[in-house]
């Protein structure tokens, strides 16, 4: 079974969805949830799901041993960024051998880059009168939201949609697709 680590900075609804999916599947197991936010709700989710968690700071993230050592100590084979807000350091990407993927709440390349996350994305979609939006799951490289796209799913945006309504549509797409796409990626990489 592939050993997955999830990085999250906030609530952790995607993390919970991924953990619960793989608890019912024999392809992979989420063994570690990491966060840069000691107050993130994802820590409570990890505890209730029985998944080990680890809080780290910027120094630990950027130094050669820190977070990279934690990944090695836990024999992590796949990393999923699920609402994780820091740019991933090059030394981890260069050293880590397994896939590193990110979930982005828009149809990249639109609405990607530094500062484009969560409600910032949904407000921009509404303000620009987009007729559709969606989610992108992509490989992570050293640039924000520029890695090769693995999967996209779309939904309509109507004139009356608020950013909050768009956020719910995106959340529904994430819950429906993210675990399956991760599973498919892992099966293809075996």
N, C-alpha and C. Protein backbone atom coordinates (compact mmCIF):
# COMPACT_ATOMS: atom_id res chain seq x y z
N UNK A 1 0.82 -1.19 0.00
CA UNK A 1 0.00 0.00 0.00
C UNK A 1 0.87 1.26 0.00
N UNK A 2 0.51 2.21 -0.85
CA UNK A 2 1.25 3.47 -0.92
C UNK A 2 0.97 4.31 0.32
N UNK A 3 2.03 4.87 0.89
CA UNK A 3 1.91 5.69 2.09
C UNK A 3 1.85 7.17 1.71
N UNK A 4 0.71 7.79 2.04
CA UNK A 4 0.44 9.18 1.65
C UNK A 4 0.60 10.12 2.84
N UNK A 5 1.18 11.28 2.57
CA UNK A 5 1.19 12.40 3.52
C UNK A 5 0.38 13.53 2.89
N UNK A 6 -0.48 14.14 3.68
CA UNK A 6 -1.27 15.28 3.22
C UNK A 6 -0.78 16.53 3.94
N UNK A 7 -0.53 17.57 3.16
CA UNK A 7 -0.19 18.89 3.71
C UNK A 7 -1.43 19.77 3.61
N UNK A 8 -1.82 20.40 4.71
CA UNK A 8 -3.00 21.28 4.73
C UNK A 8 -2.73 22.44 5.67
N UNK A 9 -3.37 23.58 5.39
CA UNK A 9 -3.19 24.77 6.24
C UNK A 9 -4.46 25.18 6.96
N UNK A 10 -5.60 24.55 6.64
CA UNK A 10 -6.86 25.05 7.18
C UNK A 10 -7.78 23.97 7.72
N UNK A 11 -9.00 23.97 7.22
CA UNK A 11 -10.07 23.12 7.74
C UNK A 11 -9.80 21.63 7.56
N UNK A 12 -9.33 21.25 6.39
CA UNK A 12 -8.99 19.85 6.16
C UNK A 12 -10.12 18.98 5.64
N UNK A 13 -11.13 19.57 5.01
CA UNK A 13 -12.23 18.74 4.49
C UNK A 13 -11.73 17.81 3.38
N UNK A 14 -10.84 18.30 2.52
CA UNK A 14 -10.26 17.42 1.50
C UNK A 14 -9.43 16.32 2.13
N UNK A 15 -8.65 16.69 3.15
CA UNK A 15 -7.83 15.68 3.84
C UNK A 15 -8.72 14.58 4.41
N UNK A 16 -9.80 14.96 5.07
CA UNK A 16 -10.71 13.97 5.65
C UNK A 16 -11.31 13.08 4.57
N UNK A 17 -11.72 13.68 3.46
CA UNK A 17 -12.30 12.92 2.37
C UNK A 17 -11.30 11.89 1.82
N UNK A 18 -10.05 12.31 1.68
CA UNK A 18 -9.01 11.40 1.16
C UNK A 18 -8.74 10.27 2.16
N UNK A 19 -8.62 10.61 3.43
CA UNK A 19 -8.39 9.59 4.46
C UNK A 19 -9.52 8.56 4.46
N UNK A 20 -10.76 9.04 4.48
CA UNK A 20 -11.91 8.13 4.54
C UNK A 20 -12.00 7.26 3.28
N UNK A 21 -11.70 7.83 2.13
CA UNK A 21 -11.71 7.06 0.89
C UNK A 21 -10.71 5.90 0.95
N UNK A 22 -9.48 6.22 1.33
CA UNK A 22 -8.44 5.18 1.32
C UNK A 22 -8.57 4.22 2.51
N UNK A 23 -9.34 4.58 3.53
CA UNK A 23 -9.64 3.62 4.60
C UNK A 23 -10.50 2.47 4.06
N UNK A 24 -11.18 2.71 2.95
CA UNK A 24 -12.05 1.70 2.34
C UNK A 24 -11.41 1.07 1.10
N UNK A 25 -10.14 1.34 0.87
CA UNK A 25 -9.48 0.94 -0.36
C UNK A 25 -8.12 0.34 -0.01
N UNK A 26 -7.61 -0.54 -0.84
CA UNK A 26 -6.33 -1.18 -0.51
C UNK A 26 -5.16 -0.66 -1.35
N UNK A 27 -5.35 0.45 -2.07
CA UNK A 27 -4.29 1.01 -2.91
C UNK A 27 -3.32 1.85 -2.09
N UNK A 28 -3.86 2.61 -1.13
CA UNK A 28 -3.03 3.55 -0.37
C UNK A 28 -3.61 3.77 1.01
N UNK A 29 -2.80 4.43 1.84
CA UNK A 29 -3.22 4.78 3.19
C UNK A 29 -2.61 6.13 3.54
N UNK A 30 -3.43 7.02 4.09
CA UNK A 30 -2.92 8.30 4.59
C UNK A 30 -2.35 8.03 5.98
N UNK A 31 -1.04 8.20 6.12
CA UNK A 31 -0.37 7.88 7.38
C UNK A 31 0.08 9.13 8.13
N UNK A 32 0.02 10.30 7.47
CA UNK A 32 0.53 11.51 8.09
C UNK A 32 -0.16 12.74 7.51
N UNK A 33 -0.56 13.65 8.40
CA UNK A 33 -1.09 14.95 7.99
C UNK A 33 -0.17 16.00 8.58
N UNK A 34 0.36 16.87 7.71
CA UNK A 34 1.28 17.91 8.14
C UNK A 34 0.65 19.28 7.92
N UNK A 35 0.92 20.21 8.83
CA UNK A 35 0.41 21.56 8.69
C UNK A 35 1.41 22.58 9.19
N UNK A 36 1.34 23.75 8.58
CA UNK A 36 2.14 24.89 9.00
C UNK A 36 1.35 25.80 9.94
N UNK A 37 0.13 25.40 10.29
CA UNK A 37 -0.76 26.23 11.10
C UNK A 37 -1.15 25.46 12.37
N UNK A 38 -0.58 25.82 13.52
CA UNK A 38 -0.87 25.07 14.75
C UNK A 38 -2.33 25.16 15.19
N UNK A 39 -3.10 26.09 14.60
CA UNK A 39 -4.52 26.24 14.94
C UNK A 39 -5.44 25.68 13.87
N UNK A 40 -4.90 25.01 12.89
CA UNK A 40 -5.71 24.49 11.78
C UNK A 40 -6.67 23.40 12.26
N UNK A 41 -7.88 23.45 11.78
CA UNK A 41 -8.88 22.44 12.15
C UNK A 41 -8.50 21.06 11.63
N UNK A 42 -7.64 21.02 10.61
CA UNK A 42 -7.21 19.73 10.08
C UNK A 42 -6.56 18.88 11.18
N UNK A 43 -5.97 19.51 12.18
CA UNK A 43 -5.36 18.75 13.29
C UNK A 43 -6.41 17.99 14.08
N UNK A 44 -7.56 18.62 14.30
CA UNK A 44 -8.66 17.93 14.99
C UNK A 44 -9.21 16.78 14.13
N UNK A 45 -9.31 17.03 12.84
CA UNK A 45 -9.76 15.97 11.93
C UNK A 45 -8.78 14.79 11.97
N UNK A 46 -7.49 15.09 11.92
CA UNK A 46 -6.48 14.02 11.95
C UNK A 46 -6.63 13.19 13.22
N UNK A 47 -6.79 13.86 14.35
CA UNK A 47 -6.95 13.15 15.62
C UNK A 47 -8.18 12.26 15.61
N UNK A 48 -9.31 12.79 15.13
CA UNK A 48 -10.55 12.00 15.13
C UNK A 48 -10.47 10.84 14.14
N UNK A 49 -9.64 10.99 13.11
CA UNK A 49 -9.49 9.92 12.11
C UNK A 49 -8.39 8.93 12.48
N UNK A 50 -7.66 9.22 13.54
CA UNK A 50 -6.58 8.33 13.97
C UNK A 50 -5.35 8.39 13.08
N UNK A 51 -5.13 9.56 12.47
CA UNK A 51 -3.97 9.75 11.60
C UNK A 51 -2.96 10.63 12.34
N UNK A 52 -1.71 10.22 12.32
CA UNK A 52 -0.66 11.01 12.96
C UNK A 52 -0.57 12.38 12.29
N UNK A 53 -0.29 13.41 13.09
CA UNK A 53 -0.15 14.75 12.53
C UNK A 53 1.16 15.37 13.01
N UNK A 54 1.60 16.37 12.27
CA UNK A 54 2.86 17.04 12.58
C UNK A 54 2.73 18.51 12.20
N UNK A 55 3.06 19.41 13.13
CA UNK A 55 3.06 20.85 12.87
C UNK A 55 4.51 21.28 12.66
N UNK A 56 4.74 22.08 11.64
CA UNK A 56 6.10 22.56 11.37
C UNK A 56 6.09 24.05 11.11
N UNK A 57 7.25 24.67 11.25
CA UNK A 57 7.39 26.09 10.97
C UNK A 57 8.17 26.30 9.68
N UNK A 58 8.32 27.54 9.29
CA UNK A 58 8.97 27.88 8.01
C UNK A 58 10.42 27.37 7.98
N UNK A 59 11.13 27.53 9.07
CA UNK A 59 12.54 27.09 9.11
C UNK A 59 12.64 25.58 8.88
N UNK A 60 11.78 24.81 9.55
CA UNK A 60 11.79 23.36 9.39
C UNK A 60 11.42 22.95 7.96
N UNK A 61 10.55 23.73 7.35
CA UNK A 61 10.11 23.46 5.99
C UNK A 61 11.23 23.70 4.99
N UNK A 62 12.01 24.74 5.22
CA UNK A 62 13.03 25.15 4.27
C UNK A 62 14.39 24.49 4.46
N UNK A 63 14.64 23.96 5.66
CA UNK A 63 15.95 23.34 5.88
C UNK A 63 15.99 21.92 5.32
N UNK A 64 17.16 21.47 5.00
CA UNK A 64 17.34 20.17 4.35
C UNK A 64 16.83 19.00 5.19
N UNK A 65 16.98 19.05 6.48
CA UNK A 65 16.59 17.91 7.33
C UNK A 65 15.13 17.97 7.74
N UNK A 66 14.65 19.03 8.33
CA UNK A 66 13.30 19.25 8.85
C UNK A 66 12.18 18.37 8.33
N UNK A 67 11.31 18.97 7.54
CA UNK A 67 10.12 18.28 7.02
C UNK A 67 10.51 17.10 6.14
N UNK A 68 11.55 17.26 5.36
CA UNK A 68 12.02 16.17 4.50
C UNK A 68 12.37 14.94 5.34
N UNK A 69 12.98 15.16 6.48
CA UNK A 69 13.32 14.04 7.38
C UNK A 69 12.06 13.38 7.93
N UNK A 70 11.05 14.19 8.26
CA UNK A 70 9.77 13.65 8.74
C UNK A 70 9.14 12.75 7.68
N UNK A 71 9.19 13.18 6.43
CA UNK A 71 8.66 12.36 5.33
C UNK A 71 9.42 11.05 5.22
N UNK A 72 10.74 11.12 5.30
CA UNK A 72 11.56 9.91 5.21
C UNK A 72 11.31 8.98 6.39
N UNK A 73 11.21 9.55 7.60
CA UNK A 73 10.97 8.75 8.81
C UNK A 73 9.65 7.98 8.74
N UNK A 74 8.69 8.52 7.99
CA UNK A 74 7.38 7.89 7.86
C UNK A 74 7.21 7.12 6.55
N UNK A 75 8.31 6.93 5.82
CA UNK A 75 8.31 6.18 4.55
C UNK A 75 7.22 6.66 3.59
N UNK A 76 7.08 7.98 3.47
CA UNK A 76 6.05 8.56 2.61
C UNK A 76 6.42 8.35 1.14
N UNK A 77 5.41 7.93 0.35
CA UNK A 77 5.61 7.64 -1.07
C UNK A 77 4.82 8.58 -1.99
N UNK A 78 3.89 9.33 -1.42
CA UNK A 78 3.07 10.26 -2.20
C UNK A 78 2.70 11.43 -1.29
N UNK A 79 2.78 12.64 -1.83
CA UNK A 79 2.40 13.84 -1.09
C UNK A 79 1.22 14.49 -1.80
N UNK A 80 0.19 14.86 -1.01
CA UNK A 80 -0.96 15.58 -1.54
C UNK A 80 -1.06 16.92 -0.81
N UNK A 81 -1.07 18.01 -1.57
CA UNK A 81 -1.28 19.33 -0.99
C UNK A 81 -2.77 19.63 -1.11
N UNK A 82 -3.44 19.74 0.03
CA UNK A 82 -4.89 19.93 0.06
C UNK A 82 -5.20 21.19 0.88
N UNK A 83 -5.19 22.32 0.19
CA UNK A 83 -5.38 23.58 0.90
C UNK A 83 -4.13 23.99 1.66
N UNK A 84 -2.99 23.69 1.09
CA UNK A 84 -1.71 24.07 1.70
C UNK A 84 -1.22 25.33 1.00
N UNK A 85 -0.89 26.38 1.78
CA UNK A 85 -0.70 27.70 1.20
C UNK A 85 0.74 28.13 0.94
N UNK A 86 1.72 27.34 1.32
CA UNK A 86 3.10 27.73 1.06
C UNK A 86 3.61 27.08 -0.22
N UNK A 87 4.49 27.81 -0.90
CA UNK A 87 5.14 27.25 -2.08
C UNK A 87 6.06 26.13 -1.62
N UNK A 88 6.03 25.01 -2.33
CA UNK A 88 6.80 23.84 -1.92
C UNK A 88 8.26 24.05 -2.28
N UNK A 89 9.18 23.79 -1.33
CA UNK A 89 10.60 24.05 -1.59
C UNK A 89 11.21 23.07 -2.58
N UNK A 90 12.13 23.62 -3.36
CA UNK A 90 12.79 22.86 -4.41
C UNK A 90 13.54 21.65 -3.85
N UNK A 91 14.15 21.79 -2.66
CA UNK A 91 14.95 20.66 -2.14
C UNK A 91 14.07 19.45 -1.83
N UNK A 92 12.82 19.67 -1.42
CA UNK A 92 11.92 18.53 -1.20
C UNK A 92 11.53 17.92 -2.54
N UNK A 93 11.17 18.77 -3.50
CA UNK A 93 10.77 18.28 -4.82
C UNK A 93 11.90 17.51 -5.50
N UNK A 94 13.13 17.98 -5.31
CA UNK A 94 14.28 17.32 -5.94
C UNK A 94 14.66 16.00 -5.26
N UNK A 95 14.36 15.89 -3.97
CA UNK A 95 14.76 14.71 -3.20
C UNK A 95 13.68 13.65 -3.16
N UNK A 96 12.43 14.08 -3.02
CA UNK A 96 11.30 13.16 -2.87
C UNK A 96 11.06 12.43 -4.19
N UNK A 97 10.95 11.11 -4.13
CA UNK A 97 10.86 10.30 -5.35
C UNK A 97 9.43 10.08 -5.85
N UNK A 98 8.43 10.17 -4.96
CA UNK A 98 7.06 9.89 -5.36
C UNK A 98 6.36 11.11 -5.92
N UNK A 99 5.10 10.93 -6.34
CA UNK A 99 4.34 12.06 -6.84
C UNK A 99 4.03 13.08 -5.74
N UNK A 100 4.06 14.35 -6.12
CA UNK A 100 3.63 15.45 -5.26
C UNK A 100 2.56 16.19 -6.05
N UNK A 101 1.32 16.16 -5.54
CA UNK A 101 0.20 16.75 -6.28
C UNK A 101 -0.51 17.80 -5.43
N UNK A 102 -1.14 18.74 -6.13
CA UNK A 102 -1.88 19.81 -5.48
C UNK A 102 -3.31 19.84 -6.00
N UNK A 103 -4.21 20.24 -5.12
CA UNK A 103 -5.62 20.44 -5.49
C UNK A 103 -5.83 21.95 -5.56
N UNK A 104 -6.23 22.45 -6.73
CA UNK A 104 -6.45 23.90 -6.88
C UNK A 104 -7.91 24.16 -7.23
N UNK A 105 -8.54 25.18 -6.60
CA UNK A 105 -9.97 25.42 -6.79
C UNK A 105 -10.32 26.29 -8.00
N UNK A 106 -9.68 26.07 -9.12
CA UNK A 106 -9.98 26.79 -10.36
C UNK A 106 -9.46 25.96 -11.53
N UNK A 107 -9.82 26.39 -12.72
CA UNK A 107 -9.35 25.71 -13.93
C UNK A 107 -8.06 26.38 -14.38
N UNK A 108 -6.95 25.85 -13.88
CA UNK A 108 -5.65 26.42 -14.25
C UNK A 108 -5.47 26.34 -15.75
N UNK A 109 -4.80 27.29 -16.39
CA UNK A 109 -3.95 28.30 -15.77
C UNK A 109 -4.67 29.53 -15.23
N UNK A 110 -5.99 29.61 -15.42
CA UNK A 110 -6.71 30.76 -14.86
C UNK A 110 -6.72 30.70 -13.33
N UNK A 111 -6.61 31.86 -12.72
CA UNK A 111 -6.76 32.02 -11.27
C UNK A 111 -5.79 31.17 -10.46
N UNK A 112 -4.56 31.10 -10.93
CA UNK A 112 -3.51 30.44 -10.19
C UNK A 112 -2.46 31.44 -9.75
N UNK A 113 -1.52 30.99 -8.98
CA UNK A 113 -0.41 31.83 -8.56
C UNK A 113 -0.51 32.23 -7.10
N UNK A 114 0.50 32.96 -6.65
CA UNK A 114 0.58 33.39 -5.26
C UNK A 114 -0.66 34.19 -4.87
N UNK A 115 -1.25 33.83 -3.75
CA UNK A 115 -2.42 34.55 -3.24
C UNK A 115 -3.74 34.07 -3.81
N UNK A 116 -3.70 33.18 -4.78
CA UNK A 116 -4.93 32.69 -5.38
C UNK A 116 -5.31 31.35 -4.75
N UNK A 117 -6.11 31.43 -3.70
CA UNK A 117 -6.59 30.25 -3.00
C UNK A 117 -7.96 30.58 -2.41
N UNK A 118 -8.74 29.53 -2.14
CA UNK A 118 -10.02 29.67 -1.46
C UNK A 118 -10.91 30.76 -2.02
N UNK A 119 -11.44 31.59 -1.11
CA UNK A 119 -12.40 32.61 -1.51
C UNK A 119 -11.79 33.67 -2.42
N UNK A 120 -10.50 33.87 -2.39
CA UNK A 120 -9.86 34.81 -3.33
C UNK A 120 -10.13 34.36 -4.76
N UNK A 121 -10.02 33.06 -5.01
CA UNK A 121 -10.28 32.51 -6.34
C UNK A 121 -11.75 32.67 -6.69
N UNK A 122 -12.64 32.30 -5.77
CA UNK A 122 -14.08 32.31 -6.08
C UNK A 122 -14.59 33.73 -6.32
N UNK A 123 -14.07 34.70 -5.54
CA UNK A 123 -14.44 36.11 -5.78
C UNK A 123 -13.98 36.56 -7.17
N UNK A 124 -12.75 36.19 -7.53
CA UNK A 124 -12.22 36.57 -8.85
C UNK A 124 -13.06 35.97 -9.98
N UNK A 125 -13.47 34.73 -9.82
CA UNK A 125 -14.30 34.05 -10.83
C UNK A 125 -15.62 34.82 -11.01
N UNK A 126 -16.27 35.19 -9.90
CA UNK A 126 -17.55 35.91 -9.97
C UNK A 126 -17.34 37.32 -10.52
N UNK A 127 -16.33 38.03 -10.03
CA UNK A 127 -16.07 39.41 -10.48
C UNK A 127 -15.75 39.47 -11.97
N UNK A 128 -15.12 38.44 -12.49
CA UNK A 128 -14.79 38.41 -13.92
C UNK A 128 -15.88 37.79 -14.78
N UNK A 129 -17.01 37.52 -14.15
CA UNK A 129 -18.20 37.01 -14.86
C UNK A 129 -17.91 35.75 -15.69
N UNK A 130 -17.12 34.86 -15.11
CA UNK A 130 -16.84 33.58 -15.75
C UNK A 130 -18.13 32.77 -15.84
N UNK A 131 -18.25 31.98 -16.89
CA UNK A 131 -19.44 31.14 -17.04
C UNK A 131 -19.18 29.71 -16.57
N UNK A 132 -17.90 29.39 -16.32
CA UNK A 132 -17.58 28.10 -15.74
C UNK A 132 -16.31 28.22 -14.91
N UNK A 133 -16.17 27.31 -13.98
CA UNK A 133 -14.97 27.19 -13.17
C UNK A 133 -14.81 25.71 -12.86
N UNK A 134 -13.96 25.40 -11.92
CA UNK A 134 -13.79 23.98 -11.61
C UNK A 134 -12.59 23.75 -10.71
N UNK A 135 -12.10 22.53 -10.76
CA UNK A 135 -10.93 22.15 -9.97
C UNK A 135 -9.84 21.63 -10.90
N UNK A 136 -8.61 21.79 -10.44
CA UNK A 136 -7.46 21.24 -11.15
C UNK A 136 -6.62 20.46 -10.15
N UNK A 137 -6.26 19.26 -10.52
CA UNK A 137 -5.29 18.49 -9.75
C UNK A 137 -4.04 18.44 -10.63
N UNK A 138 -2.92 18.89 -10.07
CA UNK A 138 -1.71 18.99 -10.89
C UNK A 138 -0.47 18.57 -10.10
N UNK A 139 0.55 18.20 -10.85
CA UNK A 139 1.85 17.92 -10.24
C UNK A 139 2.42 19.23 -9.71
N UNK A 140 3.18 19.14 -8.64
CA UNK A 140 3.77 20.33 -8.03
C UNK A 140 5.19 20.50 -8.54
N UNK A 141 5.50 21.73 -8.94
CA UNK A 141 6.89 22.08 -9.23
C UNK A 141 7.27 23.28 -8.36
N UNK A 142 8.38 23.94 -8.66
CA UNK A 142 8.84 25.00 -7.77
C UNK A 142 8.09 26.32 -7.94
N UNK A 143 7.09 26.36 -8.84
CA UNK A 143 6.31 27.57 -9.06
C UNK A 143 4.85 27.33 -8.63
N UNK A 144 4.20 28.37 -8.12
CA UNK A 144 2.80 28.26 -7.72
C UNK A 144 1.93 27.83 -8.90
N UNK A 145 1.25 26.71 -8.75
CA UNK A 145 0.19 26.28 -9.67
C UNK A 145 0.61 26.14 -11.13
N UNK A 146 1.88 25.81 -11.38
CA UNK A 146 2.35 25.70 -12.76
C UNK A 146 2.74 24.29 -13.17
N UNK A 147 2.61 23.30 -12.28
CA UNK A 147 2.97 21.93 -12.63
C UNK A 147 2.01 21.33 -13.63
N UNK A 148 2.42 20.24 -14.25
CA UNK A 148 1.61 19.57 -15.27
C UNK A 148 0.25 19.17 -14.71
N UNK A 149 -0.79 19.44 -15.49
CA UNK A 149 -2.16 19.13 -15.07
C UNK A 149 -2.41 17.63 -15.21
N UNK A 150 -2.99 17.07 -14.15
CA UNK A 150 -3.37 15.65 -14.13
C UNK A 150 -4.85 15.50 -14.48
N UNK A 151 -5.68 16.41 -13.94
CA UNK A 151 -7.14 16.25 -14.06
C UNK A 151 -7.81 17.59 -13.84
N UNK A 152 -8.90 17.83 -14.58
CA UNK A 152 -9.76 18.98 -14.32
C UNK A 152 -11.22 18.53 -14.40
N UNK A 153 -12.05 19.14 -13.55
CA UNK A 153 -13.50 18.94 -13.60
C UNK A 153 -14.13 20.33 -13.58
N UNK A 154 -15.19 20.50 -14.36
CA UNK A 154 -15.81 21.82 -14.54
C UNK A 154 -17.21 21.86 -13.96
N UNK A 155 -17.64 23.09 -13.63
CA UNK A 155 -19.02 23.35 -13.27
C UNK A 155 -19.42 24.71 -13.81
N UNK A 156 -20.70 24.89 -14.03
CA UNK A 156 -21.23 26.16 -14.55
C UNK A 156 -21.25 27.20 -13.44
N UNK A 157 -21.09 28.45 -13.85
CA UNK A 157 -21.26 29.60 -12.95
C UNK A 157 -22.36 30.45 -13.57
N UNK A 158 -23.42 30.69 -12.80
CA UNK A 158 -24.53 31.51 -13.32
C UNK A 158 -24.36 32.95 -12.86
N UNK A 159 -25.09 33.86 -13.51
CA UNK A 159 -25.01 35.28 -13.19
C UNK A 159 -25.36 35.56 -11.73
N UNK A 160 -26.20 34.72 -11.17
CA UNK A 160 -26.66 34.96 -9.79
C UNK A 160 -25.77 34.30 -8.73
N UNK A 161 -24.76 33.54 -9.15
CA UNK A 161 -23.88 32.87 -8.20
C UNK A 161 -23.03 33.87 -7.41
N UNK A 162 -23.00 33.69 -6.12
CA UNK A 162 -22.11 34.46 -5.26
C UNK A 162 -20.81 33.68 -5.10
N UNK A 163 -19.76 34.31 -4.59
CA UNK A 163 -18.54 33.54 -4.33
C UNK A 163 -18.79 32.35 -3.40
N UNK A 164 -19.72 32.50 -2.47
CA UNK A 164 -20.03 31.41 -1.55
C UNK A 164 -20.70 30.23 -2.28
N UNK A 165 -21.55 30.53 -3.24
CA UNK A 165 -22.19 29.47 -4.03
C UNK A 165 -21.13 28.77 -4.89
N UNK A 166 -20.24 29.55 -5.49
CA UNK A 166 -19.15 28.97 -6.28
C UNK A 166 -18.29 28.07 -5.39
N UNK A 167 -17.99 28.54 -4.19
CA UNK A 167 -17.18 27.74 -3.25
C UNK A 167 -17.83 26.39 -2.98
N UNK A 168 -19.16 26.37 -2.82
CA UNK A 168 -19.86 25.11 -2.57
C UNK A 168 -19.79 24.19 -3.78
N UNK A 169 -19.92 24.76 -4.98
CA UNK A 169 -19.82 23.95 -6.20
C UNK A 169 -18.43 23.32 -6.31
N UNK A 170 -17.40 24.11 -6.00
CA UNK A 170 -16.02 23.61 -6.05
C UNK A 170 -15.82 22.51 -5.00
N UNK A 171 -16.33 22.76 -3.81
CA UNK A 171 -16.23 21.76 -2.73
C UNK A 171 -16.86 20.44 -3.17
N UNK A 172 -18.02 20.51 -3.81
CA UNK A 172 -18.69 19.30 -4.28
C UNK A 172 -17.83 18.56 -5.31
N UNK A 173 -17.21 19.32 -6.23
CA UNK A 173 -16.33 18.68 -7.22
C UNK A 173 -15.14 18.00 -6.54
N UNK A 174 -14.56 18.68 -5.54
CA UNK A 174 -13.42 18.11 -4.83
C UNK A 174 -13.81 16.80 -4.13
N UNK A 175 -14.94 16.83 -3.44
CA UNK A 175 -15.38 15.63 -2.72
C UNK A 175 -15.64 14.47 -3.68
N UNK A 176 -16.14 14.79 -4.85
CA UNK A 176 -16.48 13.76 -5.84
C UNK A 176 -15.24 13.18 -6.53
N UNK A 177 -14.26 14.02 -6.85
CA UNK A 177 -13.19 13.59 -7.75
C UNK A 177 -11.83 13.34 -7.12
N UNK A 178 -11.44 14.11 -6.12
CA UNK A 178 -10.05 14.10 -5.66
C UNK A 178 -9.54 12.71 -5.27
N UNK A 179 -10.22 11.98 -4.38
CA UNK A 179 -9.66 10.68 -4.01
C UNK A 179 -9.51 9.71 -5.18
N UNK A 180 -10.48 9.70 -6.08
CA UNK A 180 -10.42 8.80 -7.25
C UNK A 180 -9.25 9.15 -8.16
N UNK A 181 -9.01 10.45 -8.35
CA UNK A 181 -7.90 10.87 -9.21
C UNK A 181 -6.57 10.47 -8.58
N UNK A 182 -6.45 10.64 -7.27
CA UNK A 182 -5.23 10.23 -6.58
C UNK A 182 -5.03 8.72 -6.72
N UNK A 183 -6.10 7.97 -6.53
CA UNK A 183 -6.01 6.51 -6.68
C UNK A 183 -5.54 6.15 -8.08
N UNK A 184 -6.14 6.76 -9.09
CA UNK A 184 -5.76 6.46 -10.49
C UNK A 184 -4.29 6.78 -10.73
N UNK A 185 -3.84 7.90 -10.21
CA UNK A 185 -2.44 8.30 -10.36
C UNK A 185 -1.52 7.25 -9.74
N UNK A 186 -1.88 6.78 -8.55
CA UNK A 186 -1.04 5.81 -7.86
C UNK A 186 -1.04 4.45 -8.59
N UNK A 187 -2.18 4.05 -9.09
CA UNK A 187 -2.27 2.78 -9.82
C UNK A 187 -1.41 2.85 -11.09
N UNK A 188 -1.45 3.99 -11.78
CA UNK A 188 -0.68 4.16 -13.02
C UNK A 188 0.82 4.20 -12.74
N UNK A 189 1.21 4.67 -11.54
CA UNK A 189 2.65 4.80 -11.21
C UNK A 189 3.26 3.53 -10.63
N UNK A 190 2.45 2.48 -10.45
CA UNK A 190 2.99 1.24 -9.86
C UNK A 190 3.85 0.52 -10.88
